[in-house]
């Protein structure tokens, strides 16, 4: 009985959300005329814009239409001129998971987000996709972690570097722990962000090139990025210990910000020395 009530409540929330967004639109601005007793578009007008039947759209508003596909939800979001936040909410109330991001993470980050990274002069910070492609970084990350600017975009993937690049591997104090963490978060986050195709390509490549990756991948571990600690060996200043935290980026379920805060006073001083001497 409880499960049935949950289903009804979810369907009603979907219908209420669709109806509210429909009533907010200006018919004249969208090319629809005629006198109206209620504000917004008519149901058949939304159905026409979304390329679905008016009957099914009516059922969706009434909670009778069943679970729409992601493709239909995208059509409805476009027809109702939803923002990215509204589109995500539509998916959550309709099918219980967020949509796949429209923007490819590897296209880069906004100037505002880059300025935020640059405001941390001695704290390494990066922006990573669900597949661990690094698409944004600050100068501290470039000096302490990896000189991403010197690498072609295809080589800025942390999984590739961790499993295939001997220098990156040697820089980790506890390589096994770091590698397992990356594989487990990769599995969880690519599923959540809907990056199955991109993930499959990377898994095939790394499984063929790294026995260690193949061993860890078949263990089926999953993990959230969250918080943790890591220590690296730096050629110029020796070992640096960091406490890292992951932050979601609003409107971009495929991206995460990683901030590596020096763990102690000696580590902070090493970062100051590194960033000041470069």
Protein backbone atom coordinates (compact mmCIF):
# COMPACT_ATOMS: atom_id res chain seq x y z
CA UNK A 1 0.00 0.00 0.00
CA UNK A 2 2.82 2.39 0.87
CA UNK A 3 4.55 1.74 -2.43
CA UNK A 4 1.31 2.49 -4.31
CA UNK A 5 0.91 5.79 -2.44
CA UNK A 6 4.50 6.70 -3.27
CA UNK A 7 3.83 6.11 -6.96
CA UNK A 8 0.67 8.25 -6.89
CA UNK A 9 2.43 11.05 -5.04
CA UNK A 10 5.30 11.02 -7.54
CA UNK A 11 2.90 11.09 -10.50
CA UNK A 12 0.94 13.96 -8.97
CA UNK A 13 4.12 15.95 -8.41
CA UNK A 14 5.00 15.48 -12.08
CA UNK A 15 1.55 16.60 -13.20
CA UNK A 16 1.56 19.61 -10.91
CA UNK A 17 4.98 20.68 -12.14
CA UNK A 18 4.00 20.33 -15.82
CA UNK A 19 0.77 22.23 -15.28
CA UNK A 20 2.51 25.04 -13.42
CA UNK A 21 5.13 25.52 -16.14
CA UNK A 22 2.47 25.34 -18.86
CA UNK A 23 0.45 28.10 -17.22
CA UNK A 24 3.46 30.40 -16.99
CA UNK A 25 4.02 30.62 -20.76
CA UNK A 26 2.68 33.42 -22.96
CA UNK A 27 0.61 31.90 -25.82
CA UNK A 28 0.90 35.01 -28.04
CA UNK A 29 4.70 35.02 -27.75
CA UNK A 30 4.74 31.42 -28.96
CA UNK A 31 2.41 32.02 -31.90
CA UNK A 32 -0.86 30.80 -30.38
CA UNK A 33 -3.92 33.06 -30.61
CA UNK A 34 -7.52 32.95 -29.42
CA UNK A 35 -9.34 34.07 -26.30
CA UNK A 36 -8.56 32.15 -23.11
CA UNK A 37 -10.23 31.70 -19.77
CA UNK A 38 -7.05 30.50 -18.05
CA UNK A 39 -3.44 31.69 -18.31
CA UNK A 40 -0.74 29.92 -20.27
CA UNK A 41 -0.77 27.34 -23.01
CA UNK A 42 -3.47 24.75 -23.54
CA UNK A 43 -2.53 21.10 -23.09
CA UNK A 44 -2.84 20.37 -26.80
CA UNK A 45 -0.47 23.26 -27.55
CA UNK A 46 2.19 21.84 -25.25
CA UNK A 47 1.70 18.43 -26.87
CA UNK A 48 2.10 19.99 -30.30
CA UNK A 49 5.34 21.72 -29.30
CA UNK A 50 6.65 18.49 -27.70
CA UNK A 51 5.60 16.29 -30.66
CA UNK A 52 3.51 13.94 -28.53
CA UNK A 53 -0.21 13.19 -28.51
CA UNK A 54 -2.51 15.55 -26.65
CA UNK A 55 -4.15 12.56 -24.95
CA UNK A 56 -0.90 11.29 -23.50
CA UNK A 57 0.16 14.73 -22.32
CA UNK A 58 -3.22 15.10 -20.59
CA UNK A 59 -2.67 11.76 -18.91
CA UNK A 60 0.79 12.87 -17.73
CA UNK A 61 -0.71 15.90 -16.04
CA UNK A 62 -3.37 13.70 -14.48
CA UNK A 63 -0.88 11.12 -13.25
CA UNK A 64 -2.15 8.42 -15.63
CA UNK A 65 0.46 8.42 -18.38
CA UNK A 66 3.03 6.05 -16.93
CA UNK A 67 6.73 6.85 -16.77
CA UNK A 68 7.83 8.94 -19.78
CA UNK A 69 11.13 8.21 -21.46
CA UNK A 70 14.13 10.57 -21.12
CA UNK A 71 13.61 11.56 -24.76
CA UNK A 72 10.01 12.62 -24.07
CA UNK A 73 11.08 14.49 -20.94
CA UNK A 74 13.67 16.40 -22.97
CA UNK A 75 10.96 17.26 -25.51
CA UNK A 76 8.66 18.48 -22.73
CA UNK A 77 11.43 20.55 -21.16
CA UNK A 78 12.08 22.22 -24.50
CA UNK A 79 8.39 22.72 -25.24
CA UNK A 80 7.85 24.34 -21.85
CA UNK A 81 11.06 26.40 -22.18
CA UNK A 82 12.49 25.09 -18.92
CA UNK A 83 15.77 26.22 -17.43
CA UNK A 84 18.47 23.63 -16.78
CA UNK A 85 17.46 23.50 -13.10
CA UNK A 86 13.80 22.99 -14.05
CA UNK A 87 14.78 20.28 -16.54
CA UNK A 88 16.69 18.43 -13.84
CA UNK A 89 13.71 18.69 -11.47
CA UNK A 90 11.42 17.37 -14.20
CA UNK A 91 13.57 14.25 -14.57
CA UNK A 92 13.78 13.73 -10.81
CA UNK A 93 10.02 13.85 -10.21
CA UNK A 94 9.26 11.83 -13.36
CA UNK A 95 11.79 8.98 -13.25
CA UNK A 96 13.78 9.52 -10.06
CA UNK A 97 17.14 10.40 -11.59
CA UNK A 98 18.76 13.49 -13.10
CA UNK A 99 19.14 13.89 -16.86
CA UNK A 100 22.32 13.41 -18.76
CA UNK A 101 24.06 16.75 -19.00
CA UNK A 102 23.60 18.50 -22.32
CA UNK A 103 27.03 20.10 -22.22
CA UNK A 104 30.02 17.86 -22.81
CA UNK A 105 32.31 18.26 -19.83
CA UNK A 106 35.42 18.31 -21.97
CA UNK A 107 34.28 21.58 -23.60
CA UNK A 108 35.68 23.60 -20.68
CA UNK A 109 34.38 25.71 -17.81
CA UNK A 110 32.95 29.19 -17.47
CA UNK A 111 35.15 32.25 -16.93
CA UNK A 112 33.46 32.86 -13.58
CA UNK A 113 34.35 29.37 -12.38
CA UNK A 114 37.93 29.82 -13.59
CA UNK A 115 38.21 33.07 -11.62
CA UNK A 116 37.02 31.19 -8.53
CA UNK A 117 39.79 28.61 -9.00
CA UNK A 118 42.38 31.34 -9.54
CA UNK A 119 41.36 33.03 -6.26
CA UNK A 120 43.12 30.18 -4.39
CA UNK A 121 46.80 30.96 -5.02
CA UNK A 122 48.35 28.19 -2.88
CA UNK A 123 45.50 25.64 -2.75
CA UNK A 124 45.35 23.27 -5.74
CA UNK A 125 41.90 23.03 -7.28
CA UNK A 126 40.59 21.24 -10.37
CA UNK A 127 37.33 20.66 -12.23
CA UNK A 128 36.81 17.06 -13.33
CA UNK A 129 34.15 15.22 -15.30
CA UNK A 130 32.52 11.99 -14.13
CA UNK A 131 35.11 10.13 -16.23
CA UNK A 132 37.95 12.02 -14.50
CA UNK A 133 38.87 14.26 -17.42
CA UNK A 134 40.42 17.42 -15.98
CA UNK A 135 38.89 20.40 -17.77
CA UNK A 136 39.78 23.20 -15.34
CA UNK A 137 42.59 23.92 -12.90
CA UNK A 138 44.41 26.73 -11.14
CA UNK A 139 48.11 27.57 -11.05
CA UNK A 140 48.63 25.80 -7.70
CA UNK A 141 47.27 22.55 -9.17
CA UNK A 142 49.45 22.96 -12.23
CA UNK A 143 52.56 23.37 -10.07
CA UNK A 144 51.79 20.76 -7.40
CA UNK A 145 49.81 18.05 -9.18
CA UNK A 146 50.24 18.00 -12.96
CA UNK A 147 51.07 20.59 -15.60
CA UNK A 148 47.75 20.08 -17.36
CA UNK A 149 48.34 22.99 -19.73
CA UNK A 150 51.34 21.18 -21.19
CA UNK A 151 49.29 18.08 -22.00
CA UNK A 152 46.98 17.51 -24.98
CA UNK A 153 43.31 17.41 -23.84
CA UNK A 154 43.10 13.65 -24.36
CA UNK A 155 45.94 13.08 -21.89
CA UNK A 156 44.39 15.09 -19.07
CA UNK A 157 42.43 12.09 -17.84
CA UNK A 158 43.36 11.13 -14.27
CA UNK A 159 42.58 7.44 -14.76
CA UNK A 160 44.85 7.23 -17.78
CA UNK A 161 47.64 9.01 -15.95
CA UNK A 162 47.25 6.98 -12.77
CA UNK A 163 47.33 3.61 -14.53
CA UNK A 164 49.46 4.29 -17.62
CA UNK A 165 51.93 7.03 -16.67
CA UNK A 166 54.88 5.82 -14.54
CA UNK A 167 55.69 9.35 -13.29
CA UNK A 168 52.18 9.93 -11.96
CA UNK A 169 52.18 6.51 -10.33
CA UNK A 170 55.54 7.10 -8.65
CA UNK A 171 54.34 10.43 -7.22
CA UNK A 172 51.66 8.67 -5.09
CA UNK A 173 52.65 7.66 -1.59
CA UNK A 174 49.83 5.07 -1.48
CA UNK A 175 49.17 4.34 -5.16
CA UNK A 176 46.92 1.31 -4.54
CA UNK A 177 44.53 3.29 -2.33
CA UNK A 178 44.37 6.25 -4.70
CA UNK A 179 43.82 4.03 -7.73
CA UNK A 180 41.02 2.07 -6.06
CA UNK A 181 39.31 5.31 -5.04
CA UNK A 182 39.43 6.61 -8.62
CA UNK A 183 38.01 3.41 -10.11
CA UNK A 184 35.19 3.21 -7.54
CA UNK A 185 34.12 6.85 -8.00
CA UNK A 186 34.40 6.50 -11.78
CA UNK A 187 31.97 3.57 -11.74
CA UNK A 188 29.45 5.36 -9.51
CA UNK A 189 29.57 8.80 -11.09
CA UNK A 190 29.45 7.78 -14.74
CA UNK A 191 26.30 5.78 -13.98
CA UNK A 192 24.73 8.75 -12.20
CA UNK A 193 25.65 11.23 -14.95
CA UNK A 194 24.53 8.95 -17.79
CA UNK A 195 28.01 8.66 -19.31
CA UNK A 196 27.78 4.96 -20.15
CA UNK A 197 29.20 5.26 -23.68
CA UNK A 198 32.18 7.38 -22.64
CA UNK A 199 32.82 5.11 -19.65
CA UNK A 200 32.73 1.97 -21.81
CA UNK A 201 35.36 3.38 -24.17
CA UNK A 202 37.68 4.20 -21.28
CA UNK A 203 37.13 0.85 -19.54
CA UNK A 204 37.95 -1.02 -22.75
CA UNK A 205 41.12 0.99 -23.28
CA UNK A 206 42.40 0.72 -19.71
CA UNK A 207 41.49 -2.95 -19.32
CA UNK A 208 43.56 -3.73 -22.39
CA UNK A 209 46.55 -1.67 -21.26
CA UNK A 210 46.63 -2.13 -17.47
CA UNK A 211 46.34 -5.38 -15.54
CA UNK A 212 45.91 -3.35 -12.36
CA UNK A 213 42.88 -1.53 -13.76
CA UNK A 214 41.36 -4.79 -15.00
CA UNK A 215 41.83 -6.31 -11.54
CA UNK A 216 40.18 -3.37 -9.75
CA UNK A 217 37.37 -2.96 -12.28
CA UNK A 218 35.99 -6.50 -11.90
CA UNK A 219 35.71 -5.98 -8.13
CA UNK A 220 32.67 -3.73 -8.74
CA UNK A 221 33.43 -1.27 -5.94
CA UNK A 222 31.52 2.03 -5.89
CA UNK A 223 32.33 5.17 -3.92
CA UNK A 224 31.33 8.81 -3.73
CA UNK A 225 34.08 11.37 -4.22
CA UNK A 226 33.38 13.09 -0.90
CA UNK A 227 36.41 13.87 1.22
CA UNK A 228 39.73 12.20 1.93
CA UNK A 229 43.46 12.58 2.25
CA UNK A 230 46.41 11.96 -0.02
CA UNK A 231 50.13 12.57 0.00
CA UNK A 232 52.27 13.15 -3.07
CA UNK A 233 55.99 13.21 -3.76
CA UNK A 234 57.00 16.46 -5.43
CA UNK A 235 60.33 16.74 -7.20
CA UNK A 236 60.99 20.27 -5.90
CA UNK A 237 59.68 20.32 -2.31
CA UNK A 238 59.34 16.67 -1.29
CA UNK A 239 56.22 15.13 0.22
CA UNK A 240 53.06 17.25 0.50
CA UNK A 241 50.02 16.02 2.39
CA UNK A 242 46.57 17.23 1.34
CA UNK A 243 43.03 16.95 2.63
CA UNK A 244 40.75 16.94 -0.40
CA UNK A 245 37.07 17.76 -0.71
CA UNK A 246 34.69 17.38 -3.64
CA UNK A 247 31.95 19.89 -4.44
CA UNK A 248 29.06 19.59 -6.88
CA UNK A 249 28.68 22.30 -9.51
CA UNK A 250 25.12 23.57 -9.72
CA UNK A 251 23.43 22.73 -13.00
CA UNK A 252 26.26 20.42 -14.11
CA UNK A 253 25.72 16.91 -12.72
CA UNK A 254 28.63 15.69 -14.85
CA UNK A 255 31.23 17.91 -13.13
CA UNK A 256 32.87 18.11 -9.72
CA UNK A 257 35.31 20.55 -8.15
CA UNK A 258 38.22 19.03 -6.25
CA UNK A 259 40.02 21.24 -3.70
CA UNK A 260 43.28 20.00 -2.16
CA UNK A 261 43.90 21.85 1.09
CA UNK A 262 47.42 21.48 2.57
CA UNK A 263 47.00 19.23 5.60
CA UNK A 264 49.37 21.03 7.98
CA UNK A 265 51.55 24.09 8.44
CA UNK A 266 54.58 22.41 6.87
CA UNK A 267 52.50 21.41 3.84
CA UNK A 268 51.13 24.93 3.50
CA UNK A 269 54.63 26.34 3.65
CA UNK A 270 55.74 23.95 0.93
CA UNK A 271 52.89 25.11 -1.27
CA UNK A 272 53.80 28.75 -0.63
CA UNK A 273 57.40 27.98 -1.49
CA UNK A 274 56.37 26.12 -4.64
CA UNK A 275 53.96 28.79 -5.87
CA UNK A 276 56.23 31.66 -4.91
CA UNK A 277 59.37 30.32 -6.59
CA UNK A 278 57.74 29.31 -9.87
